[in-house]
Amino acid sequence: MQATFKISAEELDDRLLQKIKKLVEGKPVTITITTEADETTYLTANEANKNHLLESMASEPEVTFSAEEFEKHVEELLEQSGNSTDNK
């Protein structure tokens, strides 16, 4: 039998260990622990891919606005979708 558990470090507790023990009771067990690289690390691990991503980000238009402009734009979008913030 093989089982893969994808969990956060916070979920590693005694209850989980007890459940695993019950699942494999009486059988030899091999436990392998790996961590997953975050998406940014994974995407930039390859130098060519990293350069492509950086060039792509650099070519994106830059947009700046004030906090008031942002709030006005959000309100307009919410009104268009029928979800005004006046309903709070």
C-alpha atoms as a PDB file:
ATOM      1  CA  MET A   1       0.000   0.000   0.000  1.00  0.00           C
ATOM      2  CA  GLN A   2       1.115   3.549  -0.701  1.00  0.00           C
ATOM      3  CA  ALA A   3      -0.506   6.699   0.638  1.00  0.00           C
ATOM      4  CA  THR A   4       0.419  10.313   0.088  1.00  0.00           C
ATOM      5  CA  PHE A   5      -0.680  12.973   2.559  1.00  0.00           C
ATOM      6  CA  LYS A   6      -0.328  16.614   1.509  1.00  0.00           C
ATOM      7  CA  ILE A   7      -0.703  18.673   4.651  1.00  0.00           C
ATOM      8  CA  SER A   8       0.610  21.826   6.259  1.00  0.00           C
ATOM      9  CA  ALA A   9       3.231  21.676   8.986  1.00  0.00           C
ATOM     10  CA  GLU A  10       0.576  22.809  11.470  1.00  0.00           C
ATOM     11  CA  GLU A  11      -1.395  19.616  10.802  1.00  0.00           C
ATOM     12  CA  LEU A  12       1.484  17.391  11.911  1.00  0.00           C
ATOM     13  CA  ASP A  13       0.258  16.309  15.307  1.00  0.00           C
ATOM     14  CA  ASP A  14      -0.205  13.224  17.445  1.00  0.00           C
ATOM     15  CA  ARG A  15      -3.732  12.593  16.118  1.00  0.00           C
ATOM     16  CA  LEU A  16      -2.393  12.301  12.562  1.00  0.00           C
ATOM     17  CA  LEU A  17       0.334   9.912  13.720  1.00  0.00           C
ATOM     18  CA  GLN A  18      -2.251   7.765  15.512  1.00  0.00           C
ATOM     19  CA  LYS A  19      -4.421   7.613  12.381  1.00  0.00           C
ATOM     20  CA  ILE A  20      -1.439   6.595  10.268  1.00  0.00           C
ATOM     21  CA  LYS A  21      -0.472   3.923  12.800  1.00  0.00           C
ATOM     22  CA  LYS A  22      -4.007   2.509  12.657  1.00  0.00           C
ATOM     23  CA  LEU A  23      -3.949   2.587   8.832  1.00  0.00           C
ATOM     24  CA  VAL A  24      -0.734   0.548   8.590  1.00  0.00           C
ATOM     25  CA  GLU A  25      -1.089  -1.565  11.738  1.00  0.00           C
ATOM     26  CA  GLY A  26       1.121  -4.636  11.698  1.00  0.00           C
ATOM     27  CA  LYS A  27       2.958  -3.667   8.494  1.00  0.00           C
ATOM     28  CA  PRO A  28       6.471  -2.324   7.984  1.00  0.00           C
ATOM     29  CA  VAL A  29       6.410   1.379   7.126  1.00  0.00           C
ATOM     30  CA  THR A  30       8.711   3.772   5.315  1.00  0.00           C
ATOM     31  CA  ILE A  31       8.082   7.454   5.958  1.00  0.00           C
ATOM     32  CA  THR A  32       9.431  10.013   3.515  1.00  0.00           C
ATOM     33  CA  ILE A  33       8.978  13.711   4.191  1.00  0.00           C
ATOM     34  CA  THR A  34       9.417  16.268   1.425  1.00  0.00           C
ATOM     35  CA  THR A  35       8.605  19.922   1.197  1.00  0.00           C
ATOM     36  CA  GLU A  36       7.233  21.522  -1.909  1.00  0.00           C
ATOM     37  CA  ALA A  37       8.929  24.561  -3.352  1.00  0.00           C
ATOM     38  CA  ASP A  38       6.714  27.584  -3.594  1.00  0.00           C
ATOM     39  CA  GLU A  39       5.550  28.516  -7.075  1.00  0.00           C
ATOM     40  CA  THR A  40       8.012  31.389  -7.473  1.00  0.00           C
ATOM     41  CA  THR A  41      10.979  29.217  -6.549  1.00  0.00           C
ATOM     42  CA  TYR A  42       9.826  26.501  -8.935  1.00  0.00           C
ATOM     43  CA  LEU A  43       9.262  28.896 -11.842  1.00  0.00           C
ATOM     44  CA  THR A  44      12.581  30.671 -11.406  1.00  0.00           C
ATOM     45  CA  ALA A  45      14.708  27.558 -10.853  1.00  0.00           C
ATOM     46  CA  ASN A  46      15.431  27.343 -14.589  1.00  0.00           C
ATOM     47  CA  GLU A  47      17.532  30.351 -15.686  1.00  0.00           C
ATOM     48  CA  ALA A  48      15.909  30.619 -19.139  1.00  0.00           C
ATOM     49  CA  ASN A  49      12.432  30.496 -17.610  1.00  0.00           C
ATOM     50  CA  LYS A  50      13.438  33.066 -14.988  1.00  0.00           C
ATOM     51  CA  ASN A  51      14.702  35.462 -17.669  1.00  0.00           C
ATOM     52  CA  HIS A  52      11.541  34.990 -19.722  1.00  0.00           C
ATOM     53  CA  LEU A  53       9.360  35.740 -16.697  1.00  0.00           C
ATOM     54  CA  LEU A  54      11.349  38.836 -15.758  1.00  0.00           C
ATOM     55  CA  GLU A  55      11.201  40.147 -19.336  1.00  0.00           C
ATOM     56  CA  SER A  56       7.471  39.472 -19.456  1.00  0.00           C
ATOM     57  CA  MET A  57       6.877  41.328 -16.187  1.00  0.00           C
ATOM     58  CA  ALA A  58       9.022  44.258 -17.338  1.00  0.00           C
ATOM     59  CA  SER A  59       6.948  44.612 -20.507  1.00  0.00           C
ATOM     60  CA  GLU A  60       3.655  44.897 -18.598  1.00  0.00           C
ATOM     61  CA  PRO A  61       2.209  48.406 -18.452  1.00  0.00           C
ATOM     62  CA  GLU A  62       2.514  50.135 -15.107  1.00  0.00           C
ATOM     63  CA  VAL A  63      -0.637  51.545 -13.554  1.00  0.00           C
ATOM     64  CA  THR A  64      -0.632  53.867 -10.560  1.00  0.00           C
ATOM     65  CA  PHE A  65      -3.542  55.409  -8.683  1.00  0.00           C
ATOM     66  CA  SER A  66      -4.363  57.000  -5.366  1.00  0.00           C
ATOM     67  CA  ALA A  67      -6.248  55.257  -2.581  1.00  0.00           C
ATOM     68  CA  GLU A  68      -9.317  57.359  -3.407  1.00  0.00           C
ATOM     69  CA  GLU A  69      -9.126  56.396  -7.091  1.00  0.00           C
ATOM     70  CA  PHE A  70      -8.824  52.739  -6.110  1.00  0.00           C
ATOM     71  CA  GLU A  71     -11.855  52.916  -3.812  1.00  0.00           C
ATOM     72  CA  LYS A  72     -13.897  54.683  -6.517  1.00  0.00           C
ATOM     73  CA  HIS A  73     -12.940  52.045  -9.085  1.00  0.00           C
ATOM     74  CA  VAL A  74     -13.826  49.200  -6.711  1.00  0.00           C
ATOM     75  CA  GLU A  75     -17.191  50.832  -5.979  1.00  0.00           C
ATOM     76  CA  GLU A  76     -17.893  51.132  -9.723  1.00  0.00           C
ATOM     77  CA  LEU A  77     -17.008  47.490 -10.288  1.00  0.00           C
ATOM     78  CA  LEU A  78     -19.212  46.402  -7.398  1.00  0.00           C
ATOM     79  CA  GLU A  79     -22.115  48.480  -8.723  1.00  0.00           C
ATOM     80  CA  GLN A  80     -21.695  46.878 -12.162  1.00  0.00           C
ATOM     81  CA  SER A  81     -21.863  43.428 -10.563  1.00  0.00           C
ATOM     82  CA  GLY A  82     -24.816  44.394  -8.346  1.00  0.00           C
ATOM     83  CA  ASN A  83     -22.812  44.249  -5.097  1.00  0.00           C
ATOM     84  CA  SER A  84     -22.583  47.759  -3.708  1.00  0.00           C
ATOM     85  CA  THR A  85     -20.545  48.343  -0.539  1.00  0.00           C
ATOM     86  CA  ASP A  86     -23.496  50.377   0.814  1.00  0.00           C
ATOM     87  CA  ASN A  87     -25.043  47.066   1.908  1.00  0.00           C
ATOM     88  CA  LYS A  88     -22.612  46.687   4.820  1.00  0.00           C
END
